[in-house]
Amino acid sequence: MGGQRAHSALWRGTLRRELAVLLVLKGLALALLWLLFFSGDRQPPAGAGPTSARLGLEQPAPPPAARSRD
């Protein structure tokens, strides 16, 4: 019985250590992706004007107002 408990504790400890290492690596990978793609200086300007310009959907200029005949 004692051998089984020791073996069970051994693989559980190994499993915990491997999971902890993987979670730390995953957190570092997510932080790196955030820095590369979502950090403040890399975000495009928001708003209707900059977005439509970026997509090539510029609205044509409105026609000139008609002059009144006085």
PDB file of N, CA and C in Angstrom:
ATOM      1  N   MET A   1       0.812  -1.200   0.000  1.00  0.00           N
ATOM      2  CA  MET A   1       0.000   0.000   0.000  1.00  0.00           C
ATOM      3  C   MET A   1       0.855   1.264   0.000  1.00  0.00           C
ATOM      4  N   GLY A   2       1.929   1.267   0.771  1.00  0.00           N
ATOM      5  CA  GLY A   2       2.761   2.458   0.877  1.00  0.00           C
ATOM      6  C   GLY A   2       3.395   2.821  -0.452  1.00  0.00           C
ATOM      7  N   GLY A   3       3.728   1.813  -1.267  1.00  0.00           N
ATOM      8  CA  GLY A   3       4.336   2.065  -2.571  1.00  0.00           C
ATOM      9  C   GLY A   3       3.382   2.766  -3.523  1.00  0.00           C
ATOM     10  N   GLN A   4       2.103   2.388  -3.452  1.00  0.00           N
ATOM     11  CA  GLN A   4       1.102   3.018  -4.314  1.00  0.00           C
ATOM     12  C   GLN A   4       0.922   4.483  -3.952  1.00  0.00           C
ATOM     13  N   ARG A   5       0.880   4.783  -2.671  1.00  0.00           N
ATOM     14  CA  ARG A   5       0.714   6.175  -2.243  1.00  0.00           C
ATOM     15  C   ARG A   5       1.896   7.025  -2.680  1.00  0.00           C
ATOM     16  N   ALA A   6       3.078   6.496  -2.553  1.00  0.00           N
ATOM     17  CA  ALA A   6       4.273   7.243  -2.953  1.00  0.00           C
ATOM     18  C   ALA A   6       4.259   7.487  -4.462  1.00  0.00           C
ATOM     19  N   HIS A   7       3.880   6.464  -5.224  1.00  0.00           N
ATOM     20  CA  HIS A   7       3.810   6.614  -6.682  1.00  0.00           C
ATOM     21  C   HIS A   7       2.735   7.631  -7.070  1.00  0.00           C
ATOM     22  N   SER A   8       1.570   7.576  -6.406  1.00  0.00           N
ATOM     23  CA  SER A   8       0.482   8.499  -6.681  1.00  0.00           C
ATOM     24  C   SER A   8       0.895   9.932  -6.351  1.00  0.00           C
ATOM     25  N   ALA A   9       1.559  10.128  -5.237  1.00  0.00           N
ATOM     26  CA  ALA A   9       2.009  11.468  -4.859  1.00  0.00           C
ATOM     27  C   ALA A   9       3.061  11.965  -5.838  1.00  0.00           C
ATOM     28  N   LEU A  10       3.898  11.081  -6.344  1.00  0.00           N
ATOM     29  CA  LEU A  10       4.953  11.474  -7.273  1.00  0.00           C
ATOM     30  C   LEU A  10       4.377  11.998  -8.582  1.00  0.00           C
ATOM     31  N   TRP A  11       3.449  11.256  -9.181  1.00  0.00           N
ATOM     32  CA  TRP A  11       2.924  11.721 -10.468  1.00  0.00           C
ATOM     33  C   TRP A  11       2.006  12.921 -10.311  1.00  0.00           C
ATOM     34  N   ARG A  12       1.334  13.031  -9.169  1.00  0.00           N
ATOM     35  CA  ARG A  12       0.497  14.207  -8.949  1.00  0.00           C
ATOM     36  C   ARG A  12       1.348  15.459  -8.793  1.00  0.00           C
ATOM     37  N   GLY A  13       2.453  15.332  -8.102  1.00  0.00           N
ATOM     38  CA  GLY A  13       3.360  16.466  -7.963  1.00  0.00           C
ATOM     39  C   GLY A  13       3.934  16.884  -9.305  1.00  0.00           C
ATOM     40  N   THR A  14       4.296  15.899 -10.113  1.00  0.00           N
ATOM     41  CA  THR A  14       4.818  16.179 -11.452  1.00  0.00           C
ATOM     42  C   THR A  14       3.747  16.854 -12.306  1.00  0.00           C
ATOM     43  N   LEU A  15       2.522  16.360 -12.209  1.00  0.00           N
ATOM     44  CA  LEU A  15       1.423  16.940 -12.971  1.00  0.00           C
ATOM     45  C   LEU A  15       1.179  18.394 -12.555  1.00  0.00           C
ATOM     46  N   ARG A  16       1.174  18.653 -11.252  1.00  0.00           N
ATOM     47  CA  ARG A  16       0.969  20.023 -10.773  1.00  0.00           C
ATOM     48  C   ARG A  16       2.064  20.949 -11.287  1.00  0.00           C
ATOM     49  N   ARG A  17       3.298  20.490 -11.233  1.00  0.00           N
ATOM     50  CA  ARG A  17       4.421  21.310 -11.683  1.00  0.00           C
ATOM     51  C   ARG A  17       4.316  21.602 -13.182  1.00  0.00           C
ATOM     52  N   GLU A  18       3.990  20.588 -13.968  1.00  0.00           N
ATOM     53  CA  GLU A  18       3.863  20.784 -15.418  1.00  0.00           C
ATOM     54  C   GLU A  18       2.709  21.725 -15.749  1.00  0.00           C
ATOM     55  N   LEU A  19       1.588  21.583 -15.055  1.00  0.00           N
ATOM     56  CA  LEU A  19       0.461  22.482 -15.297  1.00  0.00           C
ATOM     57  C   LEU A  19       0.799  23.916 -14.907  1.00  0.00           C
ATOM     58  N   ALA A  20       1.511  24.090 -13.812  1.00  0.00           N
ATOM     59  CA  ALA A  20       1.910  25.429 -13.392  1.00  0.00           C
ATOM     60  C   ALA A  20       2.832  26.064 -14.431  1.00  0.00           C
ATOM     61  N   VAL A  21       3.783  25.298 -14.941  1.00  0.00           N
ATOM     62  CA  VAL A  21       4.699  25.812 -15.962  1.00  0.00           C
ATOM     63  C   VAL A  21       3.924  26.180 -17.222  1.00  0.00           C
ATOM     64  N   LEU A  22       2.993  25.333 -17.640  1.00  0.00           N
ATOM     65  CA  LEU A  22       2.209  25.614 -18.843  1.00  0.00           C
ATOM     66  C   LEU A  22       1.335  26.859 -18.669  1.00  0.00           C
ATOM     67  N   LEU A  23       0.746  27.025 -17.490  1.00  0.00           N
ATOM     68  CA  LEU A  23      -0.071  28.217 -17.246  1.00  0.00           C
ATOM     69  C   LEU A  23       0.770  29.486 -17.259  1.00  0.00           C
ATOM     70  N   VAL A  24       1.963  29.432 -16.714  1.00  0.00           N
ATOM     71  CA  VAL A  24       2.853  30.596 -16.743  1.00  0.00           C
ATOM     72  C   VAL A  24       3.252  30.911 -18.186  1.00  0.00           C
ATOM     73  N   LEU A  25       3.588  29.887 -18.955  1.00  0.00           N
ATOM     74  CA  LEU A  25       3.955  30.105 -20.363  1.00  0.00           C
ATOM     75  C   LEU A  25       2.781  30.675 -21.163  1.00  0.00           C
ATOM     76  N   LYS A  26       1.582  30.187 -20.887  1.00  0.00           N
ATOM     77  CA  LYS A  26       0.405  30.695 -21.575  1.00  0.00           C
ATOM     78  C   LYS A  26       0.179  32.165 -21.225  1.00  0.00           C
ATOM     79  N   GLY A  27       0.332  32.519 -19.959  1.00  0.00           N
ATOM     80  CA  GLY A  27       0.192  33.909 -19.551  1.00  0.00           C
ATOM     81  C   GLY A  27       1.220  34.801 -20.224  1.00  0.00           C
ATOM     82  N   LEU A  28       2.460  34.331 -20.321  1.00  0.00           N
ATOM     83  CA  LEU A  28       3.499  35.106 -21.006  1.00  0.00           C
ATOM     84  C   LEU A  28       3.187  35.259 -22.492  1.00  0.00           C
ATOM     85  N   ALA A  29       2.688  34.211 -23.114  1.00  0.00           N
ATOM     86  CA  ALA A  29       2.334  34.287 -24.533  1.00  0.00           C
ATOM     87  C   ALA A  29       1.191  35.281 -24.757  1.00  0.00           C
ATOM     88  N   LEU A  30       0.190  35.253 -23.878  1.00  0.00           N
ATOM     89  CA  LEU A  30      -0.917  36.205 -24.010  1.00  0.00           C
ATOM     90  C   LEU A  30      -0.443  37.636 -23.794  1.00  0.00           C
ATOM     91  N   ALA A  31       0.440  37.844 -22.836  1.00  0.00           N
ATOM     92  CA  ALA A  31       0.979  39.184 -22.596  1.00  0.00           C
ATOM     93  C   ALA A  31       1.771  39.664 -23.804  1.00  0.00           C
ATOM     94  N   LEU A  32       2.553  38.792 -24.413  1.00  0.00           N
ATOM     95  CA  LEU A  32       3.320  39.160 -25.602  1.00  0.00           C
ATOM     96  C   LEU A  32       2.398  39.514 -26.766  1.00  0.00           C
ATOM     97  N   LEU A  33       1.358  38.715 -26.977  1.00  0.00           N
ATOM     98  CA  LEU A  33       0.407  39.022 -28.047  1.00  0.00           C
ATOM     99  C   LEU A  33      -0.287  40.356 -27.803  1.00  0.00           C
ATOM    100  N   TRP A  34      -0.641  40.627 -26.542  1.00  0.00           N
ATOM    101  CA  TRP A  34      -1.290  41.895 -26.229  1.00  0.00           C
ATOM    102  C   TRP A  34      -0.345  43.052 -26.530  1.00  0.00           C
ATOM    103  N   LEU A  35       0.921  42.925 -26.140  1.00  0.00           N
ATOM    104  CA  LEU A  35       1.883  43.994 -26.395  1.00  0.00           C
ATOM    105  C   LEU A  35       2.089  44.218 -27.889  1.00  0.00           C
ATOM    106  N   LEU A  36       2.106  43.130 -28.651  1.00  0.00           N
ATOM    107  CA  LEU A  36       2.362  43.254 -30.084  1.00  0.00           C
ATOM    108  C   LEU A  36       1.178  43.814 -30.859  1.00  0.00           C
ATOM    109  N   PHE A  37      -0.048  43.465 -30.465  1.00  0.00           N
ATOM    110  CA  PHE A  37      -1.191  43.804 -31.290  1.00  0.00           C
ATOM    111  C   PHE A  37      -2.187  44.772 -30.661  1.00  0.00           C
ATOM    112  N   PHE A  38      -2.229  44.896 -29.344  1.00  0.00           N
ATOM    113  CA  PHE A  38      -3.281  45.683 -28.721  1.00  0.00           C
ATOM    114  C   PHE A  38      -2.781  46.792 -27.819  1.00  0.00           C
ATOM    115  N   SER A  39      -1.499  47.034 -27.750  1.00  0.00           N
ATOM    116  CA  SER A  39      -1.006  48.099 -26.888  1.00  0.00           C
ATOM    117  C   SER A  39      -1.443  49.445 -27.466  1.00  0.00           C
ATOM    118  N   GLY A  40      -1.474  50.465 -26.625  1.00  0.00           N
ATOM    119  CA  GLY A  40      -2.061  51.755 -26.973  1.00  0.00           C
ATOM    120  C   GLY A  40      -1.507  52.420 -28.221  1.00  0.00           C
ATOM    121  N   ASP A  41      -0.201  52.393 -28.431  1.00  0.00           N
ATOM    122  CA  ASP A  41       0.360  53.120 -29.569  1.00  0.00           C
ATOM    123  C   ASP A  41       0.146  52.409 -30.895  1.00  0.00           C
ATOM    124  N   ARG A  42      -0.301  51.195 -30.883  1.00  0.00           N
ATOM    125  CA  ARG A  42      -0.520  50.455 -32.133  1.00  0.00           C
ATOM    126  C   ARG A  42      -1.984  50.418 -32.544  1.00  0.00           C
ATOM    127  N   GLN A  43      -2.854  50.977 -31.752  1.00  0.00           N
ATOM    128  CA  GLN A  43      -4.268  50.963 -32.090  1.00  0.00           C
ATOM    129  C   GLN A  43      -4.561  52.047 -33.122  1.00  0.00           C
ATOM    130  N   PRO A  44      -5.334  51.721 -34.142  1.00  0.00           N
ATOM    131  CA  PRO A  44      -5.704  52.735 -35.117  1.00  0.00           C
ATOM    132  C   PRO A  44      -6.683  53.726 -34.486  1.00  0.00           C
ATOM    133  N   PRO A  45      -6.746  54.930 -35.009  1.00  0.00           N
ATOM    134  CA  PRO A  45      -7.696  55.898 -34.459  1.00  0.00           C
ATOM    135  C   PRO A  45      -9.132  55.409 -34.642  1.00  0.00           C
ATOM    136  N   ALA A  46      -9.948  55.669 -33.637  1.00  0.00           N
ATOM    137  CA  ALA A  46     -11.337  55.217 -33.680  1.00  0.00           C
ATOM    138  C   ALA A  46     -12.231  56.368 -34.100  1.00  0.00           C
ATOM    139  N   GLY A  47     -13.366  56.039 -34.639  1.00  0.00           N
ATOM    140  CA  GLY A  47     -14.330  57.043 -35.055  1.00  0.00           C
ATOM    141  C   GLY A  47     -14.782  56.770 -36.476  1.00  0.00           C
ATOM    142  N   ALA A  48     -15.837  57.440 -36.865  1.00  0.00           N
ATOM    143  CA  ALA A  48     -16.406  57.198 -38.190  1.00  0.00           C
ATOM    144  C   ALA A  48     -15.466  57.668 -39.301  1.00  0.00           C
ATOM    145  N   GLY A  49     -14.883  58.834 -39.135  1.00  0.00           N
ATOM    146  CA  GLY A  49     -14.010  59.392 -40.174  1.00  0.00           C
ATOM    147  C   GLY A  49     -12.782  58.548 -40.439  1.00  0.00           C
ATOM    148  N   PRO A  50     -11.956  58.290 -39.407  1.00  0.00           N
ATOM    149  CA  PRO A  50     -10.758  57.478 -39.648  1.00  0.00           C
ATOM    150  C   PRO A  50     -11.071  56.057 -40.102  1.00  0.00           C
ATOM    151  N   THR A  51     -12.152  55.480 -39.587  1.00  0.00           N
ATOM    152  CA  THR A  51     -12.498  54.116 -39.979  1.00  0.00           C
ATOM    153  C   THR A  51     -12.914  54.062 -41.442  1.00  0.00           C
ATOM    154  N   SER A  52     -13.751  54.986 -41.873  1.00  0.00           N
ATOM    155  CA  SER A  52     -14.173  54.972 -43.280  1.00  0.00           C
ATOM    156  C   SER A  52     -13.002  55.286 -44.200  1.00  0.00           C
ATOM    157  N   ALA A  53     -12.093  56.149 -43.751  1.00  0.00           N
ATOM    158  CA  ALA A  53     -10.922  56.445 -44.573  1.00  0.00           C
ATOM    159  C   ALA A  53     -10.039  55.202 -44.691  1.00  0.00           C
ATOM    160  N   ARG A  54      -9.885  54.477 -43.602  1.00  0.00           N
ATOM    161  CA  ARG A  54      -9.050  53.274 -43.621  1.00  0.00           C
ATOM    162  C   ARG A  54      -9.649  52.196 -44.517  1.00  0.00           C
ATOM    163  N   LEU A  55     -10.974  52.116 -44.570  1.00  0.00           N
ATOM    164  CA  LEU A  55     -11.645  51.120 -45.398  1.00  0.00           C
ATOM    165  C   LEU A  55     -11.883  51.613 -46.827  1.00  0.00           C
ATOM    166  N   GLY A  56     -11.532  52.839 -47.109  1.00  0.00           N
ATOM    167  CA  GLY A  56     -11.736  53.385 -48.453  1.00  0.00           C
ATOM    168  C   GLY A  56     -13.180  53.725 -48.727  1.00  0.00           C
ATOM    169  N   LEU A  57     -13.924  54.108 -47.716  1.00  0.00           N
ATOM    170  CA  LEU A  57     -15.340  54.415 -47.869  1.00  0.00           C
ATOM    171  C   LEU A  57     -15.603  55.903 -47.659  1.00  0.00           C
ATOM    172  N   GLU A  58     -14.727  56.722 -48.155  1.00  0.00           N
ATOM    173  CA  GLU A  58     -14.885  58.158 -47.971  1.00  0.00           C
ATOM    174  C   GLU A  58     -16.206  58.623 -48.567  1.00  0.00           C
ATOM    175  N   GLN A  59     -16.903  59.414 -47.809  1.00  0.00           N
ATOM    176  CA  GLN A  59     -18.149  59.998 -48.289  1.00  0.00           C
ATOM    177  C   GLN A  59     -17.807  61.145 -49.242  1.00  0.00           C
ATOM    178  N   PRO A  60     -18.516  61.270 -50.348  1.00  0.00           N
ATOM    179  CA  PRO A  60     -18.250  62.407 -51.235  1.00  0.00           C
ATOM    180  C   PRO A  60     -18.653  63.701 -50.546  1.00  0.00           C
ATOM    181  N   ALA A  61     -17.996  64.762 -50.952  1.00  0.00           N
ATOM    182  CA  ALA A  61     -18.301  66.072 -50.364  1.00  0.00           C
ATOM    183  C   ALA A  61     -19.735  66.455 -50.738  1.00  0.00           C
ATOM    184  N   PRO A  62     -20.455  67.090 -49.823  1.00  0.00           N
ATOM    185  CA  PRO A  62     -21.819  67.497 -50.159  1.00  0.00           C
ATOM    186  C   PRO A  62     -21.814  68.551 -51.251  1.00  0.00           C
ATOM    187  N   PRO A  63     -22.858  68.583 -52.068  1.00  0.00           N
ATOM    188  CA  PRO A  63     -22.908  69.581 -53.149  1.00  0.00           C
ATOM    189  C   PRO A  63     -22.974  70.978 -52.559  1.00  0.00           C
ATOM    190  N   PRO A  64     -22.458  71.943 -53.298  1.00  0.00           N
ATOM    191  CA  PRO A  64     -22.484  73.324 -52.785  1.00  0.00           C
ATOM    192  C   PRO A  64     -23.935  73.798 -52.636  1.00  0.00           C
ATOM    193  N   ALA A  65     -24.136  74.620 -51.635  1.00  0.00           N
ATOM    194  CA  ALA A  65     -25.486  75.143 -51.379  1.00  0.00           C
ATOM    195  C   ALA A  65     -25.891  76.049 -52.532  1.00  0.00           C
ATOM    196  N   ALA A  66     -27.170  75.966 -52.901  1.00  0.00           N
ATOM    197  CA  ALA A  66     -27.677  76.820 -53.998  1.00  0.00           C
ATOM    198  C   ALA A  66     -27.743  78.268 -53.509  1.00  0.00           C
ATOM    199  N   ARG A  67     -27.362  79.201 -54.400  1.00  0.00           N
ATOM    200  CA  ARG A  67     -27.422  80.612 -54.063  1.00  0.00           C
ATOM    201  C   ARG A  67     -28.846  81.113 -54.224  1.00  0.00           C
ATOM    202  N   SER A  68     -29.235  81.915 -53.301  1.00  0.00           N
ATOM    203  CA  SER A  68     -30.580  82.484 -53.436  1.00  0.00           C
ATOM    204  C   SER A  68     -30.504  83.735 -54.317  1.00  0.00           C
ATOM    205  N   ARG A  69     -31.555  83.970 -55.116  1.00  0.00           N
ATOM    206  CA  ARG A  69     -31.592  85.131 -56.006  1.00  0.00           C
ATOM    207  C   ARG A  69     -32.320  86.260 -55.312  1.00  0.00           C
ATOM    208  N   ASP A  70     -31.589  87.186 -54.796  1.00  0.00           N
ATOM    209  CA  ASP A  70     -32.207  88.340 -54.157  1.00  0.00           C
ATOM    210  C   ASP A  70     -32.145  89.545 -55.026  1.00  0.00           C
TER     211      ASP A  70
END
